[in-house]
Amino acid sequence: MRIRRTLGLVLAAATLAGTGAVGAFGAVGAQAASSPTITREECAAAGGQVKSIPYGGDTCTLPDGTNQRIT
């Protein structure tokens, strides 16, 4: 019981401090995931459709509705 209470206090303090339970690497992972890229082959293998956007390059629209830039 005492260990759970201590762990809860540590997690609460970390959350208030802004680090969260994930740690400092959580923000880096979120930033890297904000602009994913995919190749044409990976797009086709995932069942996506390639769209050409004028002055914007090519994007892949996946079956779940997400869009990713094609590298």
N, C-alpha and C. Protein backbone atom coordinates (compact mmCIF):
# COMPACT_ATOMS: atom_id res chain seq x y z
N MET A 1 0.82 -1.19 0.00
CA MET A 1 0.00 0.00 0.00
C MET A 1 0.87 1.25 0.00
N ARG A 2 1.91 1.25 0.78
CA ARG A 2 2.78 2.42 0.86
C ARG A 2 3.52 2.65 -0.45
N ILE A 3 3.91 1.58 -1.13
CA ILE A 3 4.62 1.70 -2.40
C ILE A 3 3.70 2.29 -3.46
N ARG A 4 2.44 1.85 -3.49
CA ARG A 4 1.49 2.39 -4.47
C ARG A 4 1.25 3.87 -4.24
N ARG A 5 1.15 4.27 -3.00
CA ARG A 5 0.93 5.68 -2.69
C ARG A 5 2.13 6.51 -3.12
N THR A 6 3.33 6.00 -2.84
CA THR A 6 4.56 6.71 -3.22
C THR A 6 4.66 6.81 -4.74
N LEU A 7 4.37 5.72 -5.42
CA LEU A 7 4.41 5.73 -6.88
C LEU A 7 3.40 6.71 -7.44
N GLY A 8 2.22 6.76 -6.86
CA GLY A 8 1.19 7.71 -7.30
C GLY A 8 1.64 9.15 -7.12
N LEU A 9 2.31 9.43 -5.99
CA LEU A 9 2.81 10.78 -5.76
C LEU A 9 3.91 11.15 -6.74
N VAL A 10 4.77 10.20 -7.06
CA VAL A 10 5.85 10.46 -8.01
C VAL A 10 5.27 10.73 -9.40
N LEU A 11 4.30 9.94 -9.83
CA LEU A 11 3.68 10.15 -11.14
C LEU A 11 2.92 11.48 -11.18
N ALA A 12 2.24 11.82 -10.09
CA ALA A 12 1.53 13.10 -10.04
C ALA A 12 2.50 14.27 -10.12
N ALA A 13 3.62 14.17 -9.41
CA ALA A 13 4.62 15.24 -9.44
C ALA A 13 5.23 15.36 -10.83
N ALA A 14 5.48 14.23 -11.48
CA ALA A 14 6.06 14.25 -12.83
C ALA A 14 5.07 14.87 -13.82
N THR A 15 3.79 14.58 -13.66
CA THR A 15 2.78 15.14 -14.54
C THR A 15 2.69 16.66 -14.36
N LEU A 16 2.70 17.10 -13.11
CA LEU A 16 2.65 18.54 -12.85
C LEU A 16 3.90 19.25 -13.34
N ALA A 17 5.04 18.56 -13.32
CA ALA A 17 6.29 19.15 -13.78
C ALA A 17 6.35 19.22 -15.30
N GLY A 18 5.45 18.50 -15.98
CA GLY A 18 5.40 18.56 -17.43
C GLY A 18 6.13 17.44 -18.14
N THR A 19 6.75 16.55 -17.40
CA THR A 19 7.47 15.46 -18.06
C THR A 19 6.56 14.28 -18.34
N GLY A 20 5.58 14.04 -17.53
CA GLY A 20 4.67 12.93 -17.72
C GLY A 20 5.36 11.61 -17.42
N ALA A 21 4.61 10.54 -17.50
CA ALA A 21 5.15 9.22 -17.20
C ALA A 21 6.03 8.70 -18.32
N VAL A 22 5.90 9.27 -19.51
CA VAL A 22 6.67 8.81 -20.66
C VAL A 22 8.09 9.32 -20.60
N GLY A 23 8.30 10.47 -20.03
CA GLY A 23 9.63 11.04 -19.93
C GLY A 23 9.88 12.08 -21.00
N ALA A 24 11.10 12.51 -21.09
CA ALA A 24 11.46 13.58 -22.02
C ALA A 24 11.40 13.13 -23.47
N PHE A 25 11.48 11.83 -23.72
CA PHE A 25 11.49 11.35 -25.09
C PHE A 25 10.10 11.34 -25.71
N GLY A 26 9.04 11.51 -24.91
CA GLY A 26 7.68 11.53 -25.44
C GLY A 26 7.46 12.69 -26.40
N ALA A 27 8.02 13.86 -26.07
CA ALA A 27 7.85 15.03 -26.94
C ALA A 27 8.61 14.85 -28.25
N VAL A 28 9.77 14.22 -28.21
CA VAL A 28 10.54 14.00 -29.43
C VAL A 28 9.80 13.04 -30.34
N GLY A 29 9.23 11.98 -29.78
CA GLY A 29 8.49 11.01 -30.58
C GLY A 29 7.26 11.63 -31.22
N ALA A 30 6.59 12.50 -30.47
CA ALA A 30 5.39 13.14 -31.00
C ALA A 30 5.75 14.09 -32.15
N GLN A 31 6.86 14.77 -32.03
CA GLN A 31 7.26 15.69 -33.09
C GLN A 31 7.66 14.91 -34.34
N ALA A 32 8.35 13.81 -34.17
CA ALA A 32 8.77 13.02 -35.32
C ALA A 32 7.57 12.39 -36.02
N ALA A 33 6.53 12.09 -35.29
CA ALA A 33 5.36 11.45 -35.87
C ALA A 33 4.42 12.44 -36.54
N SER A 34 4.64 13.72 -36.37
CA SER A 34 3.72 14.69 -36.92
C SER A 34 3.82 14.80 -38.44
N SER A 35 4.95 14.42 -39.03
CA SER A 35 5.10 14.49 -40.48
C SER A 35 5.68 13.19 -41.00
N PRO A 36 4.88 12.12 -41.01
CA PRO A 36 5.41 10.84 -41.48
C PRO A 36 5.59 10.83 -43.00
N THR A 37 6.51 10.04 -43.45
CA THR A 37 6.74 9.88 -44.89
C THR A 37 6.64 8.40 -45.24
N ILE A 38 6.37 8.16 -46.50
CA ILE A 38 6.17 6.79 -46.97
C ILE A 38 6.65 6.74 -48.42
N THR A 39 7.05 5.59 -48.89
CA THR A 39 7.44 5.43 -50.28
C THR A 39 6.22 4.97 -51.09
N ARG A 40 6.33 5.09 -52.41
CA ARG A 40 5.23 4.64 -53.27
C ARG A 40 4.95 3.15 -53.07
N GLU A 41 6.00 2.36 -52.91
CA GLU A 41 5.84 0.92 -52.73
C GLU A 41 5.13 0.60 -51.43
N GLU A 42 5.51 1.32 -50.35
CA GLU A 42 4.86 1.11 -49.06
C GLU A 42 3.39 1.53 -49.11
N CYS A 43 3.12 2.59 -49.85
CA CYS A 43 1.74 3.06 -50.01
C CYS A 43 0.89 2.01 -50.71
N ALA A 44 1.41 1.47 -51.79
CA ALA A 44 0.68 0.44 -52.54
C ALA A 44 0.48 -0.81 -51.70
N ALA A 45 1.51 -1.20 -50.94
CA ALA A 45 1.42 -2.39 -50.12
C ALA A 45 0.40 -2.22 -48.99
N ALA A 46 0.21 -0.98 -48.52
CA ALA A 46 -0.75 -0.71 -47.45
C ALA A 46 -2.16 -0.50 -47.99
N GLY A 47 -2.33 -0.53 -49.31
CA GLY A 47 -3.65 -0.36 -49.91
C GLY A 47 -4.03 1.10 -50.09
N GLY A 48 -3.03 1.99 -50.11
CA GLY A 48 -3.30 3.42 -50.26
C GLY A 48 -3.34 3.86 -51.70
N GLN A 49 -3.75 5.12 -51.91
CA GLN A 49 -3.79 5.70 -53.23
C GLN A 49 -2.86 6.90 -53.27
N VAL A 50 -2.09 7.01 -54.35
CA VAL A 50 -1.16 8.12 -54.53
C VAL A 50 -1.88 9.26 -55.22
N LYS A 51 -1.75 10.47 -54.64
CA LYS A 51 -2.34 11.67 -55.23
C LYS A 51 -1.24 12.68 -55.46
N SER A 52 -1.25 13.31 -56.63
CA SER A 52 -0.31 14.39 -56.94
C SER A 52 -0.98 15.72 -56.66
N ILE A 53 -0.34 16.53 -55.83
CA ILE A 53 -0.85 17.85 -55.49
C ILE A 53 0.03 18.88 -56.19
N PRO A 54 -0.55 19.75 -57.01
CA PRO A 54 0.24 20.77 -57.71
C PRO A 54 1.04 21.61 -56.70
N TYR A 55 2.32 21.74 -56.94
CA TYR A 55 3.25 22.48 -56.10
C TYR A 55 3.35 21.94 -54.69
N GLY A 56 2.80 20.77 -54.44
CA GLY A 56 2.84 20.20 -53.10
C GLY A 56 3.45 18.82 -53.06
N GLY A 57 3.75 18.25 -54.21
CA GLY A 57 4.34 16.92 -54.24
C GLY A 57 3.27 15.84 -54.25
N ASP A 58 3.68 14.64 -53.93
CA ASP A 58 2.79 13.49 -53.93
C ASP A 58 2.47 13.09 -52.50
N THR A 59 1.23 12.66 -52.29
CA THR A 59 0.81 12.16 -50.99
C THR A 59 0.15 10.81 -51.16
N CYS A 60 0.13 10.05 -50.09
CA CYS A 60 -0.51 8.74 -50.06
C CYS A 60 -1.71 8.83 -49.11
N THR A 61 -2.89 8.51 -49.62
CA THR A 61 -4.08 8.45 -48.79
C THR A 61 -4.31 6.98 -48.44
N LEU A 62 -4.19 6.68 -47.15
CA LEU A 62 -4.34 5.30 -46.68
C LEU A 62 -5.81 4.97 -46.45
N PRO A 63 -6.16 3.69 -46.38
CA PRO A 63 -7.56 3.30 -46.20
C PRO A 63 -8.21 3.84 -44.91
N ASP A 64 -7.42 4.16 -43.90
CA ASP A 64 -7.99 4.69 -42.67
C ASP A 64 -8.25 6.19 -42.75
N GLY A 65 -7.91 6.82 -43.89
CA GLY A 65 -8.19 8.24 -44.11
C GLY A 65 -7.02 9.17 -43.84
N THR A 66 -5.91 8.64 -43.36
CA THR A 66 -4.75 9.49 -43.09
C THR A 66 -3.97 9.74 -44.37
N ASN A 67 -3.26 10.86 -44.40
CA ASN A 67 -2.43 11.22 -45.55
C ASN A 67 -0.97 11.28 -45.10
N GLN A 68 -0.09 10.79 -45.94
CA GLN A 68 1.35 10.85 -45.67
C GLN A 68 2.06 11.30 -46.92
N ARG A 69 3.13 12.09 -46.73
CA ARG A 69 3.94 12.54 -47.87
C ARG A 69 4.74 11.38 -48.42
N ILE A 70 4.91 11.39 -49.72
CA ILE A 70 5.70 10.34 -50.38
C ILE A 70 7.11 10.88 -50.58
N THR A 71 8.08 10.08 -50.17
CA THR A 71 9.48 10.48 -50.33
C THR A 71 10.07 9.90 -51.57
